[in-house]
Amino acid sequence: MTATGYVADSAAPQSRRSPGAVEFVHRGVYPWTAARSGVAAESGDGRETTITMAKPAFGSAVELCNSTWEGQSSRGPGLPTRVEDDASAIAGEREVDAATAALQAPGRPADPARRASR
């Protein structure tokens, strides 16, 4: 973790179509708390990716996740417990059939196309 986000030791995050639609979720200090922060930008080279988190949400996440318990202190949210709303994680193109309001998404190369409706 850095002061503004994260550095991933992979170029894979750079393939996201819409980094601004991605949200990191961090478990809070208590089981009923969670901190959420959107991605503001991603940049990098062929080896690693710098992920800059949205402000002020990331600063709030750092504050929410600071804790001291029985002499043990932790600072900041650490790694996210989930990454949400990353549509590029679904392989292939998706289409919405306007007549049926169904989302059509291709399956894996060996699978027939899958069909899901709302």
PDB file of N, CA and C in Angstrom:
ATOM      1  N   MET A   1       0.842  -1.167   0.000  1.00  0.00           N
ATOM      2  CA  MET A   1       0.000   0.000   0.000  1.00  0.00           C
ATOM      3  C   MET A   1       0.894   1.240   0.000  1.00  0.00           C
ATOM      4  N   THR A   2       0.457   2.246  -0.758  1.00  0.00           N
ATOM      5  CA  THR A   2       1.164   3.523  -0.778  1.00  0.00           C
ATOM      6  C   THR A   2       0.238   4.592  -0.179  1.00  0.00           C
ATOM      7  N   ALA A   3       0.693   5.815  -0.129  1.00  0.00           N
ATOM      8  CA  ALA A   3      -0.132   6.900   0.411  1.00  0.00           C
ATOM      9  C   ALA A   3      -1.353   7.176  -0.460  1.00  0.00           C
ATOM     10  N   THR A   4      -1.272   6.839  -1.741  1.00  0.00           N
ATOM     11  CA  THR A   4      -2.386   7.134  -2.653  1.00  0.00           C
ATOM     12  C   THR A   4      -3.078   5.902  -3.207  1.00  0.00           C
ATOM     13  N   GLY A   5      -2.608   4.708  -2.863  1.00  0.00           N
ATOM     14  CA  GLY A   5      -3.232   3.496  -3.396  1.00  0.00           C
ATOM     15  C   GLY A   5      -2.333   2.286  -3.282  1.00  0.00           C
ATOM     16  N   TYR A   6      -2.096   1.638  -4.421  1.00  0.00           N
ATOM     17  CA  TYR A   6      -1.373   0.368  -4.437  1.00  0.00           C
ATOM     18  C   TYR A   6      -0.444   0.284  -5.634  1.00  0.00           C
ATOM     19  N   VAL A   7       0.526  -0.619  -5.547  1.00  0.00           N
ATOM     20  CA  VAL A   7       1.355  -0.986  -6.689  1.00  0.00           C
ATOM     21  C   VAL A   7       1.222  -2.493  -6.825  1.00  0.00           C
ATOM     22  N   ALA A   8       0.691  -2.932  -7.959  1.00  0.00           N
ATOM     23  CA  ALA A   8       0.526  -4.366  -8.234  1.00  0.00           C
ATOM     24  C   ALA A   8       1.741  -4.851  -9.009  1.00  0.00           C
ATOM     25  N   ASP A   9       2.209  -6.034  -8.685  1.00  0.00           N
ATOM     26  CA  ASP A   9       3.385  -6.573  -9.380  1.00  0.00           C
ATOM     27  C   ASP A   9       2.974  -7.297 -10.662  1.00  0.00           C
ATOM     28  N   SER A  10       1.994  -6.739 -11.352  1.00  0.00           N
ATOM     29  CA  SER A  10       1.474  -7.311 -12.583  1.00  0.00           C
ATOM     30  C   SER A  10       0.966  -6.194 -13.476  1.00  0.00           C
ATOM     31  N   ALA A  11       0.985  -6.419 -14.777  1.00  0.00           N
ATOM     32  CA  ALA A  11       0.419  -5.461 -15.719  1.00  0.00           C
ATOM     33  C   ALA A  11      -1.055  -5.764 -15.988  1.00  0.00           C
ATOM     34  N   ALA A  12      -1.585  -6.853 -15.446  1.00  0.00           N
ATOM     35  CA  ALA A  12      -2.965  -7.276 -15.720  1.00  0.00           C
ATOM     36  C   ALA A  12      -4.018  -6.203 -15.422  1.00  0.00           C
ATOM     37  N   PRO A  13      -3.933  -5.445 -14.309  1.00  0.00           N
ATOM     38  CA  PRO A  13      -4.969  -4.437 -14.069  1.00  0.00           C
ATOM     39  C   PRO A  13      -5.071  -3.382 -15.171  1.00  0.00           C
ATOM     40  N   GLN A  14      -4.000  -3.192 -15.944  1.00  0.00           N
ATOM     41  CA  GLN A  14      -4.014  -2.188 -17.001  1.00  0.00           C
ATOM     42  C   GLN A  14      -4.954  -2.560 -18.142  1.00  0.00           C
ATOM     43  N   SER A  15      -5.425  -3.820 -18.169  1.00  0.00           N
ATOM     44  CA  SER A  15      -6.327  -4.251 -19.239  1.00  0.00           C
ATOM     45  C   SER A  15      -7.784  -3.930 -18.939  1.00  0.00           C
ATOM     46  N   ARG A  16      -8.075  -3.357 -17.778  1.00  0.00           N
ATOM     47  CA  ARG A  16      -9.460  -2.993 -17.458  1.00  0.00           C
ATOM     48  C   ARG A  16      -9.941  -1.927 -18.424  1.00  0.00           C
ATOM     49  N   ARG A  17     -11.163  -2.090 -18.912  1.00  0.00           N
ATOM     50  CA  ARG A  17     -11.726  -1.108 -19.848  1.00  0.00           C
ATOM     51  C   ARG A  17     -12.095   0.188 -19.159  1.00  0.00           C
ATOM     52  N   SER A  18     -12.598   0.095 -17.931  1.00  0.00           N
ATOM     53  CA  SER A  18     -13.068   1.280 -17.200  1.00  0.00           C
ATOM     54  C   SER A  18     -12.578   1.238 -15.761  1.00  0.00           C
ATOM     55  N   PRO A  19     -11.325   1.600 -15.516  1.00  0.00           N
ATOM     56  CA  PRO A  19     -10.817   1.544 -14.139  1.00  0.00           C
ATOM     57  C   PRO A  19     -11.670   2.344 -13.159  1.00  0.00           C
ATOM     58  N   GLY A  20     -12.278   3.436 -13.619  1.00  0.00           N
ATOM     59  CA  GLY A  20     -13.096   4.262 -12.743  1.00  0.00           C
ATOM     60  C   GLY A  20     -14.356   3.570 -12.246  1.00  0.00           C
ATOM     61  N   ALA A  21     -14.740   2.455 -12.870  1.00  0.00           N
ATOM     62  CA  ALA A  21     -15.922   1.701 -12.439  1.00  0.00           C
ATOM     63  C   ALA A  21     -15.567   0.654 -11.388  1.00  0.00           C
ATOM     64  N   VAL A  22     -14.293   0.494 -11.113  1.00  0.00           N
ATOM     65  CA  VAL A  22     -13.828  -0.527 -10.170  1.00  0.00           C
ATOM     66  C   VAL A  22     -13.831   0.033  -8.755  1.00  0.00           C
ATOM     67  N   GLU A  23     -14.259  -0.786  -7.813  1.00  0.00           N
ATOM     68  CA  GLU A  23     -14.303  -0.384  -6.409  1.00  0.00           C
ATOM     69  C   GLU A  23     -13.610  -1.448  -5.559  1.00  0.00           C
ATOM     70  N   PHE A  24     -12.707  -1.021  -4.696  1.00  0.00           N
ATOM     71  CA  PHE A  24     -12.055  -1.931  -3.761  1.00  0.00           C
ATOM     72  C   PHE A  24     -12.855  -1.933  -2.467  1.00  0.00           C
ATOM     73  N   VAL A  25     -13.074  -3.110  -1.911  1.00  0.00           N
ATOM     74  CA  VAL A  25     -13.796  -3.247  -0.652  1.00  0.00           C
ATOM     75  C   VAL A  25     -12.817  -3.815   0.369  1.00  0.00           C
ATOM     76  N   HIS A  26     -12.735  -3.167   1.522  1.00  0.00           N
ATOM     77  CA  HIS A  26     -11.841  -3.597   2.598  1.00  0.00           C
ATOM     78  C   HIS A  26     -12.675  -3.929   3.823  1.00  0.00           C
ATOM     79  N   ARG A  27     -12.404  -5.064   4.426  1.00  0.00           N
ATOM     80  CA  ARG A  27     -13.085  -5.382   5.685  1.00  0.00           C
ATOM     81  C   ARG A  27     -12.609  -4.389   6.730  1.00  0.00           C
ATOM     82  N   GLY A  28     -13.545  -3.887   7.519  1.00  0.00           N
ATOM     83  CA  GLY A  28     -13.209  -2.905   8.544  1.00  0.00           C
ATOM     84  C   GLY A  28     -12.668  -3.560   9.796  1.00  0.00           C
ATOM     85  N   VAL A  29     -12.440  -2.747  10.797  1.00  0.00           N
ATOM     86  CA  VAL A  29     -11.917  -3.219  12.073  1.00  0.00           C
ATOM     87  C   VAL A  29     -12.910  -4.174  12.735  1.00  0.00           C
ATOM     88  N   TYR A  30     -14.195  -3.867  12.600  1.00  0.00           N
ATOM     89  CA  TYR A  30     -15.234  -4.723  13.171  1.00  0.00           C
ATOM     90  C   TYR A  30     -15.910  -5.499  12.045  1.00  0.00           C
ATOM     91  N   PRO A  31     -16.450  -6.682  12.333  1.00  0.00           N
ATOM     92  CA  PRO A  31     -17.053  -7.497  11.267  1.00  0.00           C
ATOM     93  C   PRO A  31     -18.185  -6.807  10.519  1.00  0.00           C
ATOM     94  N   TRP A  32     -18.857  -5.858  11.134  1.00  0.00           N
ATOM     95  CA  TRP A  32     -19.983  -5.196  10.488  1.00  0.00           C
ATOM     96  C   TRP A  32     -19.576  -3.926   9.749  1.00  0.00           C
ATOM     97  N   THR A  33     -18.289  -3.652   9.662  1.00  0.00           N
ATOM     98  CA  THR A  33     -17.832  -2.456   8.955  1.00  0.00           C
ATOM     99  C   THR A  33     -17.068  -2.840   7.698  1.00  0.00           C
ATOM    100  N   ALA A  34     -17.131  -1.974   6.718  1.00  0.00           N
ATOM    101  CA  ALA A  34     -16.366  -2.151   5.480  1.00  0.00           C
ATOM    102  C   ALA A  34     -16.059  -0.768   4.926  1.00  0.00           C
ATOM    103  N   ALA A  35     -14.939  -0.650   4.288  1.00  0.00           N
ATOM    104  CA  ALA A  35     -14.548   0.585   3.619  1.00  0.00           C
ATOM    105  C   ALA A  35     -14.540   0.309   2.123  1.00  0.00           C
ATOM    106  N   ARG A  36     -15.095   1.230   1.361  1.00  0.00           N
ATOM    107  CA  ARG A  36     -15.147   1.093  -0.086  1.00  0.00           C
ATOM    108  C   ARG A  36     -14.471   2.300  -0.706  1.00  0.00           C
ATOM    109  N   SER A  37     -13.679   2.066  -1.736  1.00  0.00           N
ATOM    110  CA  SER A  37     -12.994   3.163  -2.404  1.00  0.00           C
ATOM    111  C   SER A  37     -12.879   2.844  -3.884  1.00  0.00           C
ATOM    112  N   GLY A  38     -13.223   3.819  -4.715  1.00  0.00           N
ATOM    113  CA  GLY A  38     -13.114   3.638  -6.154  1.00  0.00           C
ATOM    114  C   GLY A  38     -11.695   3.856  -6.645  1.00  0.00           C
ATOM    115  N   VAL A  39     -11.426   3.333  -7.823  1.00  0.00           N
ATOM    116  CA  VAL A  39     -10.129   3.527  -8.473  1.00  0.00           C
ATOM    117  C   VAL A  39     -10.209   4.824  -9.268  1.00  0.00           C
ATOM    118  N   ALA A  40      -9.260   5.718  -9.061  1.00  0.00           N
ATOM    119  CA  ALA A  40      -9.216   6.990  -9.793  1.00  0.00           C
ATOM    120  C   ALA A  40      -8.441   6.831 -11.101  1.00  0.00           C
ATOM    121  N   ALA A  41      -7.338   6.065 -11.065  1.00  0.00           N
ATOM    122  CA  ALA A  41      -6.503   5.908 -12.259  1.00  0.00           C
ATOM    123  C   ALA A  41      -5.600   4.689 -12.102  1.00  0.00           C
ATOM    124  N   GLU A  42      -5.189   4.165 -13.230  1.00  0.00           N
ATOM    125  CA  GLU A  42      -4.199   3.076 -13.268  1.00  0.00           C
ATOM    126  C   GLU A  42      -3.182   3.402 -14.343  1.00  0.00           C
ATOM    127  N   SER A  43      -1.924   3.148 -14.039  1.00  0.00           N
ATOM    128  CA  SER A  43      -0.863   3.371 -15.008  1.00  0.00           C
ATOM    129  C   SER A  43       0.249   2.379 -14.728  1.00  0.00           C
ATOM    130  N   GLY A  44       1.110   2.207 -15.699  1.00  0.00           N
ATOM    131  CA  GLY A  44       2.226   1.309 -15.460  1.00  0.00           C
ATOM    132  C   GLY A  44       2.959   0.934 -16.720  1.00  0.00           C
ATOM    133  N   ASP A  45       3.844  -0.028 -16.550  1.00  0.00           N
ATOM    134  CA  ASP A  45       4.633  -0.518 -17.664  1.00  0.00           C
ATOM    135  C   ASP A  45       4.270  -1.990 -17.869  1.00  0.00           C
ATOM    136  N   GLY A  46       5.084  -2.735 -18.493  1.00  0.00           N
ATOM    137  CA  GLY A  46       4.804  -4.139 -18.751  1.00  0.00           C
ATOM    138  C   GLY A  46       4.983  -5.037 -17.546  1.00  0.00           C
ATOM    139  N   ARG A  47       5.488  -4.502 -16.430  1.00  0.00           N
ATOM    140  CA  ARG A  47       5.778  -5.338 -15.264  1.00  0.00           C
ATOM    141  C   ARG A  47       4.872  -5.059 -14.068  1.00  0.00           C
ATOM    142  N   GLU A  48       4.495  -3.805 -13.844  1.00  0.00           N
ATOM    143  CA  GLU A  48       3.697  -3.484 -12.670  1.00  0.00           C
ATOM    144  C   GLU A  48       2.711  -2.361 -12.959  1.00  0.00           C
ATOM    145  N   THR A  49       1.716  -2.236 -12.073  1.00  0.00           N
ATOM    146  CA  THR A  49       0.657  -1.243 -12.243  1.00  0.00           C
ATOM    147  C   THR A  49       0.544  -0.403 -10.985  1.00  0.00           C
ATOM    148  N   THR A  50       0.512   0.912 -11.152  1.00  0.00           N
ATOM    149  CA  THR A  50       0.248   1.821 -10.041  1.00  0.00           C
ATOM    150  C   THR A  50      -1.241   2.121 -10.059  1.00  0.00           C
ATOM    151  N   ILE A  51      -1.915   1.810  -8.950  1.00  0.00           N
ATOM    152  CA  ILE A  51      -3.352   2.021  -8.831  1.00  0.00           C
ATOM    153  C   ILE A  51      -3.569   3.185  -7.868  1.00  0.00           C
ATOM    154  N   THR A  52      -4.089   4.287  -8.395  1.00  0.00           N
ATOM    155  CA  THR A  52      -4.376   5.464  -7.576  1.00  0.00           C
ATOM    156  C   THR A  52      -5.847   5.423  -7.204  1.00  0.00           C
ATOM    157  N   MET A  53      -6.111   5.474  -5.905  1.00  0.00           N
ATOM    158  CA  MET A  53      -7.480   5.366  -5.413  1.00  0.00           C
ATOM    159  C   MET A  53      -8.129   6.747  -5.344  1.00  0.00           C
ATOM    160  N   ALA A  54      -9.465   6.766  -5.423  1.00  0.00           N
ATOM    161  CA  ALA A  54     -10.237   8.008  -5.393  1.00  0.00           C
ATOM    162  C   ALA A  54     -10.166   8.657  -4.013  1.00  0.00           C
ATOM    163  N   LYS A  55     -10.103   9.977  -4.029  1.00  0.00           N
ATOM    164  CA  LYS A  55     -10.121  10.749  -2.788  1.00  0.00           C
ATOM    165  C   LYS A  55     -11.491  11.382  -2.659  1.00  0.00           C
ATOM    166  N   PRO A  56     -12.013  11.585  -1.512  1.00  0.00           N
ATOM    167  CA  PRO A  56     -11.460  11.350  -0.187  1.00  0.00           C
ATOM    168  C   PRO A  56     -11.714   9.938   0.338  1.00  0.00           C
ATOM    169  N   ALA A  57     -12.356   9.076  -0.464  1.00  0.00           N
ATOM    170  CA  ALA A  57     -12.746   7.750   0.027  1.00  0.00           C
ATOM    171  C   ALA A  57     -11.558   6.930   0.526  1.00  0.00           C
ATOM    172  N   PHE A  58     -10.427   6.971  -0.173  1.00  0.00           N
ATOM    173  CA  PHE A  58      -9.293   6.156   0.248  1.00  0.00           C
ATOM    174  C   PHE A  58      -8.750   6.635   1.588  1.00  0.00           C
ATOM    175  N   GLY A  59      -8.683   7.945   1.777  1.00  0.00           N
ATOM    176  CA  GLY A  59      -8.236   8.482   3.067  1.00  0.00           C
ATOM    177  C   GLY A  59      -9.157   8.059   4.199  1.00  0.00           C
ATOM    178  N   SER A  60     -10.457   8.039   3.926  1.00  0.00           N
ATOM    179  CA  SER A  60     -11.425   7.589   4.927  1.00  0.00           C
ATOM    180  C   SER A  60     -11.241   6.109   5.230  1.00  0.00           C
ATOM    181  N   ALA A  61     -10.935   5.313   4.195  1.00  0.00           N
ATOM    182  CA  ALA A  61     -10.697   3.876   4.395  1.00  0.00           C
ATOM    183  C   ALA A  61      -9.471   3.653   5.274  1.00  0.00           C
ATOM    184  N   VAL A  62      -8.431   4.448   5.047  1.00  0.00           N
ATOM    185  CA  VAL A  62      -7.224   4.335   5.870  1.00  0.00           C
ATOM    186  C   VAL A  62      -7.577   4.629   7.324  1.00  0.00           C
ATOM    187  N   GLU A  63      -8.315   5.698   7.565  1.00  0.00           N
ATOM    188  CA  GLU A  63      -8.689   6.063   8.937  1.00  0.00           C
ATOM    189  C   GLU A  63      -9.593   5.012   9.579  1.00  0.00           C
ATOM    190  N   LEU A  64     -10.569   4.498   8.823  1.00  0.00           N
ATOM    191  CA  LEU A  64     -11.491   3.499   9.354  1.00  0.00           C
ATOM    192  C   LEU A  64     -10.761   2.226   9.782  1.00  0.00           C
ATOM    193  N   CYS A  65      -9.728   1.880   9.050  1.00  0.00           N
ATOM    194  CA  CYS A  65      -9.044   0.605   9.302  1.00  0.00           C
ATOM    195  C   CYS A  65      -7.852   0.717  10.241  1.00  0.00           C
ATOM    196  N   ASN A  66      -7.535   1.914  10.740  1.00  0.00           N
ATOM    197  CA  ASN A  66      -6.488   2.040  11.759  1.00  0.00           C
ATOM    198  C   ASN A  66      -7.026   1.468  13.061  1.00  0.00           C
ATOM    199  N   SER A  67      -6.233   0.670  13.742  1.00  0.00           N
ATOM    200  CA  SER A  67      -6.711   0.117  15.013  1.00  0.00           C
ATOM    201  C   SER A  67      -5.551  -0.284  15.911  1.00  0.00           C
ATOM    202  N   THR A  68      -5.853  -0.374  17.186  1.00  0.00           N
ATOM    203  CA  THR A  68      -4.925  -0.919  18.171  1.00  0.00           C
ATOM    204  C   THR A  68      -5.737  -1.828  19.080  1.00  0.00           C
ATOM    205  N   TRP A  69      -5.275  -3.051  19.228  1.00  0.00           N
ATOM    206  CA  TRP A  69      -5.977  -4.028  20.060  1.00  0.00           C
ATOM    207  C   TRP A  69      -4.944  -4.839  20.810  1.00  0.00           C
ATOM    208  N   GLU A  70      -5.031  -4.817  22.111  1.00  0.00           N
ATOM    209  CA  GLU A  70      -4.108  -5.560  22.979  1.00  0.00           C
ATOM    210  C   GLU A  70      -2.654  -5.331  22.587  1.00  0.00           C
ATOM    211  N   GLY A  71      -2.323  -4.064  22.375  1.00  0.00           N
ATOM    212  CA  GLY A  71      -0.944  -3.700  22.077  1.00  0.00           C
ATOM    213  C   GLY A  71      -0.525  -3.873  20.628  1.00  0.00           C
ATOM    214  N   GLN A  72      -1.381  -4.450  19.786  1.00  0.00           N
ATOM    215  CA  GLN A  72      -1.060  -4.651  18.370  1.00  0.00           C
ATOM    216  C   GLN A  72      -1.749  -3.562  17.553  1.00  0.00           C
ATOM    217  N   SER A  73      -0.982  -2.832  16.765  1.00  0.00           N
ATOM    218  CA  SER A  73      -1.542  -1.770  15.939  1.00  0.00           C
ATOM    219  C   SER A  73      -1.487  -2.151  14.471  1.00  0.00           C
ATOM    220  N   SER A  74      -2.490  -1.711  13.733  1.00  0.00           N
ATOM    221  CA  SER A  74      -2.472  -1.858  12.279  1.00  0.00           C
ATOM    222  C   SER A  74      -2.830  -0.514  11.678  1.00  0.00           C
ATOM    223  N   ARG A  75      -2.259  -0.227  10.521  1.00  0.00           N
ATOM    224  CA  ARG A  75      -2.502   1.063   9.867  1.00  0.00           C
ATOM    225  C   ARG A  75      -3.047   0.811   8.474  1.00  0.00           C
ATOM    226  N   GLY A  76      -4.156   1.427   8.196  1.00  0.00           N
ATOM    227  CA  GLY A  76      -4.717   1.371   6.851  1.00  0.00           C
ATOM    228  C   GLY A  76      -5.435   0.076   6.544  1.00  0.00           C
ATOM    229  N   PRO A  77      -6.054   0.024   5.381  1.00  0.00           N
ATOM    230  CA  PRO A  77      -6.888  -1.116   5.036  1.00  0.00           C
ATOM    231  C   PRO A  77      -6.141  -2.358   4.565  1.00  0.00           C
ATOM    232  N   GLY A  78      -4.882  -2.251   4.232  1.00  0.00           N
ATOM    233  CA  GLY A  78      -4.183  -3.417   3.686  1.00  0.00           C
ATOM    234  C   GLY A  78      -4.713  -3.738   2.302  1.00  0.00           C
ATOM    235  N   LEU A  79      -4.633  -4.995   1.915  1.00  0.00           N
ATOM    236  CA  LEU A  79      -5.134  -5.397   0.601  1.00  0.00           C
ATOM    237  C   LEU A  79      -6.650  -5.489   0.630  1.00  0.00           C
ATOM    238  N   PRO A  80      -7.309  -5.213  -0.492  1.00  0.00           N
ATOM    239  CA  PRO A  80      -8.768  -5.302  -0.493  1.00  0.00           C
ATOM    240  C   PRO A  80      -9.227  -6.748  -0.309  1.00  0.00           C
ATOM    241  N   THR A  81     -10.393  -6.899   0.316  1.00  0.00           N
ATOM    242  CA  THR A  81     -10.964  -8.240   0.462  1.00  0.00           C
ATOM    243  C   THR A  81     -11.763  -8.607  -0.773  1.00  0.00           C
ATOM    244  N   ARG A  82     -12.224  -7.587  -1.529  1.00  0.00           N
ATOM    245  CA  ARG A  82     -12.948  -7.828  -2.789  1.00  0.00           C
ATOM    246  C   ARG A  82     -12.673  -6.685  -3.751  1.00  0.00           C
ATOM    247  N   VAL A  83     -12.760  -6.987  -5.025  1.00  0.00           N
ATOM    248  CA  VAL A  83     -12.727  -5.975  -6.078  1.00  0.00           C
ATOM    249  C   VAL A  83     -14.048  -6.137  -6.822  1.00  0.00           C
ATOM    250  N   GLU A  84     -14.844  -5.071  -6.869  1.00  0.00           N
ATOM    251  CA  GLU A  84     -16.187  -5.165  -7.437  1.00  0.00           C
ATOM    252  C   GLU A  84     -16.365  -4.280  -8.661  1.00  0.00           C
ATOM    253  N   ASP A  85     -17.361  -4.635  -9.448  1.00  0.00           N
ATOM    254  CA  ASP A  85     -17.791  -3.856 -10.613  1.00  0.00           C
ATOM    255  C   ASP A  85     -16.742  -3.771 -11.705  1.00  0.00           C
ATOM    256  N   ASP A  86     -15.925  -4.786 -11.822  1.00  0.00           N
ATOM    257  CA  ASP A  86     -14.934  -4.829 -12.887  1.00  0.00           C
ATOM    258  C   ASP A  86     -15.498  -5.689 -14.010  1.00  0.00           C
ATOM    259  N   ALA A  87     -16.240  -5.062 -14.912  1.00  0.00           N
ATOM    260  CA  ALA A  87     -16.882  -5.809 -15.992  1.00  0.00           C
ATOM    261  C   ALA A  87     -15.867  -6.494 -16.901  1.00  0.00           C
ATOM    262  N   SER A  88     -14.641  -5.981 -16.974  1.00  0.00           N
ATOM    263  CA  SER A  88     -13.651  -6.599 -17.850  1.00  0.00           C
ATOM    264  C   SER A  88     -13.185  -7.949 -17.316  1.00  0.00           C
ATOM    265  N   ALA A  89     -13.569  -8.280 -16.077  1.00  0.00           N
ATOM    266  CA  ALA A  89     -13.216  -9.590 -15.539  1.00  0.00           C
ATOM    267  C   ALA A  89     -14.036 -10.686 -16.203  1.00  0.00           C
ATOM    268  N   ILE A  90     -15.124 -10.297 -16.862  1.00  0.00           N
ATOM    269  CA  ILE A  90     -15.943 -11.262 -17.602  1.00  0.00           C
ATOM    270  C   ILE A  90     -15.380 -11.313 -19.010  1.00  0.00           C
ATOM    271  N   ALA A  91     -14.905 -12.473 -19.408  1.00  0.00           N
ATOM    272  CA  ALA A  91     -14.270 -12.597 -20.716  1.00  0.00           C
ATOM    273  C   ALA A  91     -15.285 -12.396 -21.835  1.00  0.00           C
ATOM    274  N   GLY A  92     -14.856 -11.777 -22.909  1.00  0.00           N
ATOM    275  CA  GLY A  92     -15.699 -11.636 -24.083  1.00  0.00           C
ATOM    276  C   GLY A  92     -16.630 -10.442 -24.020  1.00  0.00           C
ATOM    277  N   GLU A  93     -17.326 -10.229 -25.094  1.00  0.00           N
ATOM    278  CA  GLU A  93     -18.272  -9.119 -25.182  1.00  0.00           C
ATOM    279  C   GLU A  93     -19.645  -9.565 -24.713  1.00  0.00           C
ATOM    280  N   ARG A  94     -20.373  -8.630 -24.122  1.00  0.00           N
ATOM    281  CA  ARG A  94     -21.724  -8.911 -23.691  1.00  0.00           C
ATOM    282  C   ARG A  94     -22.682  -8.031 -24.468  1.00  0.00           C
ATOM    283  N   GLU A  95     -23.885  -8.523 -24.685  1.00  0.00           N
ATOM    284  CA  GLU A  95     -24.898  -7.745 -25.376  1.00  0.00           C
ATOM    285  C   GLU A  95     -26.195  -7.821 -24.603  1.00  0.00           C
ATOM    286  N   VAL A  96     -26.948  -6.734 -24.618  1.00  0.00           N
ATOM    287  CA  VAL A  96     -28.277  -6.747 -24.024  1.00  0.00           C
ATOM    288  C   VAL A  96     -29.273  -6.815 -25.167  1.00  0.00           C
ATOM    289  N   ASP A  97     -30.131  -7.830 -25.123  1.00  0.00           N
ATOM    290  CA  ASP A  97     -31.189  -7.986 -26.108  1.00  0.00           C
ATOM    291  C   ASP A  97     -32.322  -7.059 -25.690  1.00  0.00           C
ATOM    292  N   ALA A  98     -32.551  -5.984 -26.441  1.00  0.00           N
ATOM    293  CA  ALA A  98     -33.548  -4.981 -26.068  1.00  0.00           C
ATOM    294  C   ALA A  98     -34.956  -5.554 -26.030  1.00  0.00           C
ATOM    295  N   ALA A  99     -35.259  -6.522 -26.863  1.00  0.00           N
ATOM    296  CA  ALA A  99     -36.609  -7.079 -26.917  1.00  0.00           C
ATOM    297  C   ALA A  99     -36.940  -7.904 -25.673  1.00  0.00           C
ATOM    298  N   THR A 100     -35.955  -8.612 -25.129  1.00  0.00           N
ATOM    299  CA  THR A 100     -36.211  -9.493 -23.983  1.00  0.00           C
ATOM    300  C   THR A 100     -35.549  -9.020 -22.704  1.00  0.00           C
ATOM    301  N   ALA A 101     -34.769  -7.943 -22.763  1.00  0.00           N
ATOM    302  CA  ALA A 101     -34.012  -7.437 -21.616  1.00  0.00           C
ATOM    303  C   ALA A 101     -33.101  -8.512 -21.053  1.00  0.00           C
ATOM    304  N   ALA A 102     -32.579  -9.360 -21.919  1.00  0.00           N
ATOM    305  CA  ALA A 102     -31.680 -10.437 -21.498  1.00  0.00           C
ATOM    306  C   ALA A 102     -30.240 -10.053 -21.794  1.00  0.00           C
ATOM    307  N   LEU A 103     -29.358 -10.439 -20.900  1.00  0.00           N
ATOM    308  CA  LEU A 103     -27.930 -10.233 -21.095  1.00  0.00           C
ATOM    309  C   LEU A 103     -27.373 -11.493 -21.720  1.00  0.00           C
ATOM    310  N   GLN A 104     -26.765 -11.345 -22.884  1.00  0.00           N
ATOM    311  CA  GLN A 104     -26.149 -12.484 -23.542  1.00  0.00           C
ATOM    312  C   GLN A 104     -24.649 -12.352 -23.420  1.00  0.00           C
ATOM    313  N   ALA A 105     -24.031 -13.362 -22.814  1.00  0.00           N
ATOM    314  CA  ALA A 105     -22.584 -13.351 -22.624  1.00  0.00           C
ATOM    315  C   ALA A 105     -22.018 -14.650 -23.170  1.00  0.00           C
ATOM    316  N   PRO A 106     -20.936 -14.570 -23.923  1.00  0.00           N
ATOM    317  CA  PRO A 106     -20.351 -15.806 -24.431  1.00  0.00           C
ATOM    318  C   PRO A 106     -19.735 -16.608 -23.296  1.00  0.00           C
ATOM    319  N   GLY A 107     -19.780 -17.916 -23.432  1.00  0.00           N
ATOM    320  CA  GLY A 107     -19.145 -18.780 -22.445  1.00  0.00           C
ATOM    321  C   GLY A 107     -17.680 -18.938 -22.775  1.00  0.00           C
ATOM    322  N   ARG A 108     -17.069 -19.896 -22.160  1.00  0.00           N
ATOM    323  CA  ARG A 108     -15.683 -20.215 -22.501  1.00  0.00           C
ATOM    324  C   ARG A 108     -15.648 -20.756 -23.925  1.00  0.00           C
ATOM    325  N   PRO A 109     -14.502 -20.775 -24.572  1.00  0.00           N
ATOM    326  CA  PRO A 109     -14.455 -21.222 -25.964  1.00  0.00           C
ATOM    327  C   PRO A 109     -15.123 -22.581 -26.202  1.00  0.00           C
ATOM    328  N   ALA A 110     -15.041 -23.483 -25.258  1.00  0.00           N
ATOM    329  CA  ALA A 110     -15.623 -24.805 -25.453  1.00  0.00           C
ATOM    330  C   ALA A 110     -17.091 -24.879 -25.046  1.00  0.00           C
ATOM    331  N   ASP A 111     -17.607 -23.827 -24.414  1.00  0.00           N
ATOM    332  CA  ASP A 111     -18.988 -23.816 -23.922  1.00  0.00           C
ATOM    333  C   ASP A 111     -19.901 -23.073 -24.873  1.00  0.00           C
ATOM    334  N   PRO A 112     -21.181 -23.454 -24.929  1.00  0.00           N
ATOM    335  CA  PRO A 112     -22.129 -22.656 -25.714  1.00  0.00           C
ATOM    336  C   PRO A 112     -22.351 -21.315 -25.023  1.00  0.00           C
ATOM    337  N   ALA A 113     -22.820 -20.333 -25.752  1.00  0.00           N
ATOM    338  CA  ALA A 113     -23.095 -19.018 -25.158  1.00  0.00           C
ATOM    339  C   ALA A 113     -24.110 -19.177 -24.047  1.00  0.00           C
ATOM    340  N   ARG A 114     -23.911 -18.417 -22.982  1.00  0.00           N
ATOM    341  CA  ARG A 114     -24.818 -18.475 -21.862  1.00  0.00           C
ATOM    342  C   ARG A 114     -25.830 -17.347 -21.983  1.00  0.00           C
ATOM    343  N   ARG A 115     -26.982 -17.546 -21.425  1.00  0.00           N
ATOM    344  CA  ARG A 115     -28.029 -16.533 -21.486  1.00  0.00           C
ATOM    345  C   ARG A 115     -28.612 -16.347 -20.092  1.00  0.00           C
ATOM    346  N   ALA A 116     -28.644 -15.098 -19.621  1.00  0.00           N
ATOM    347  CA  ALA A 116     -29.213 -14.791 -18.319  1.00  0.00           C
ATOM    348  C   ALA A 116     -30.144 -13.616 -18.469  1.00  0.00           C
ATOM    349  N   SER A 117     -31.255 -13.656 -17.793  1.00  0.00           N
ATOM    350  CA  SER A 117     -32.181 -12.533 -17.865  1.00  0.00           C
ATOM    351  C   SER A 117     -32.373 -11.942 -16.475  1.00  0.00           C
ATOM    352  N   ARG A 118     -32.883 -10.703 -16.445  1.00  0.00           N
ATOM    353  CA  ARG A 118     -33.077 -10.024 -15.164  1.00  0.00           C
ATOM    354  C   ARG A 118     -34.188 -10.643 -14.372  1.00  0.00           C
TER     355      ARG A 118
END
